[in-house]
């Protein structure tokens, strides 16, 4: 297995763990739904992982996803 494929597998495992923690929160915490902007950011990051063969496109998609996620975090913080 290539090093890049190992990184890809590790990234997918981490994303699955994050999804589990997002959708199955601790029973003592309030349940929060993912915002549309957060879902879009998550989709961009996943697309960046999937299109990892073309580095420029992959990194661009991941950067867009991270920027959208940061915007979503600031918007959520501002609302509460």
Protein backbone atom coordinates (compact mmCIF):
# COMPACT_ATOMS: atom_id res chain seq x y z
CA UNK A 1 0.00 0.00 0.00
CA UNK A 2 1.27 3.48 -0.89
CA UNK A 3 1.81 6.06 1.80
CA UNK A 4 -0.86 8.24 0.22
CA UNK A 5 -3.38 5.40 0.39
CA UNK A 6 -2.58 4.86 4.07
CA UNK A 7 -3.21 8.56 4.71
CA UNK A 8 -6.47 8.29 2.79
CA UNK A 9 -7.63 5.34 4.89
CA UNK A 10 -6.68 7.12 8.11
CA UNK A 11 -8.55 10.25 6.97
CA UNK A 12 -11.68 8.26 6.17
CA UNK A 13 -11.55 6.52 9.56
CA UNK A 14 -11.20 9.87 11.33
CA UNK A 15 -14.11 11.32 9.34
CA UNK A 16 -16.30 8.33 10.21
CA UNK A 17 -15.43 8.81 13.88
CA UNK A 18 -16.31 12.51 13.64
CA UNK A 19 -19.61 11.67 11.96
CA UNK A 20 -20.38 9.21 14.75
CA UNK A 21 -19.60 11.82 17.40
CA UNK A 22 -21.69 14.41 15.55
CA UNK A 23 -24.80 12.34 15.01
CA UNK A 24 -24.65 10.24 18.19
CA UNK A 25 -23.73 12.75 20.88
CA UNK A 26 -23.43 11.98 24.54
CA UNK A 27 -26.87 11.39 26.03
CA UNK A 28 -26.29 14.17 28.55
CA UNK A 29 -25.59 16.80 25.92
CA UNK A 30 -28.27 18.53 23.95
CA UNK A 31 -28.70 17.25 20.43
CA UNK A 32 -27.55 19.69 17.78
CA UNK A 33 -28.20 19.30 14.11
CA UNK A 34 -25.61 20.06 11.51
CA UNK A 35 -26.17 23.39 9.78
CA UNK A 36 -26.49 23.58 6.00
CA UNK A 37 -23.22 25.50 5.79
CA UNK A 38 -21.48 22.90 7.96
CA UNK A 39 -22.83 20.13 5.75
CA UNK A 40 -21.55 21.92 2.68
CA UNK A 41 -18.12 22.32 4.29
CA UNK A 42 -18.08 18.64 5.18
CA UNK A 43 -19.00 17.76 1.60
CA UNK A 44 -16.12 19.84 0.23
CA UNK A 45 -13.65 18.12 2.54
CA UNK A 46 -14.94 14.67 1.54
CA UNK A 47 -14.74 15.64 -2.14
CA UNK A 48 -11.16 16.78 -1.58
CA UNK A 49 -10.31 13.39 -0.14
CA UNK A 50 -12.06 11.53 -2.95
CA UNK A 51 -10.35 13.56 -5.68
CA UNK A 52 -6.93 13.13 -4.06
CA UNK A 53 -5.30 12.09 -7.33
CA UNK A 54 -5.25 15.66 -8.63
CA UNK A 55 -3.48 17.51 -5.83
CA UNK A 56 -4.44 21.00 -6.89
CA UNK A 57 -8.14 20.18 -7.02
CA UNK A 58 -7.99 18.12 -3.80
CA UNK A 59 -6.23 20.81 -1.79
CA UNK A 60 -8.53 23.48 -3.22
CA UNK A 61 -11.63 21.55 -2.18
CA UNK A 62 -10.27 20.91 1.30
CA UNK A 63 -9.33 24.59 1.75
CA UNK A 64 -12.82 25.70 0.65
CA UNK A 65 -14.33 23.21 3.11
CA UNK A 66 -12.18 24.45 5.98
CA UNK A 67 -12.99 28.10 5.21
CA UNK A 68 -16.72 27.31 5.14
CA UNK A 69 -16.42 25.41 8.41
CA UNK A 70 -14.68 28.37 10.06
CA UNK A 71 -17.38 30.73 8.80
CA UNK A 72 -20.02 28.37 10.18
CA UNK A 73 -18.29 28.25 13.57
CA UNK A 74 -18.19 32.04 13.80
CA UNK A 75 -21.84 32.32 12.74
CA UNK A 76 -22.89 29.77 15.36
CA UNK A 77 -20.87 31.53 18.04
CA UNK A 78 -22.42 34.86 17.09
CA UNK A 79 -25.97 33.44 17.30
CA UNK A 80 -25.55 31.96 20.76
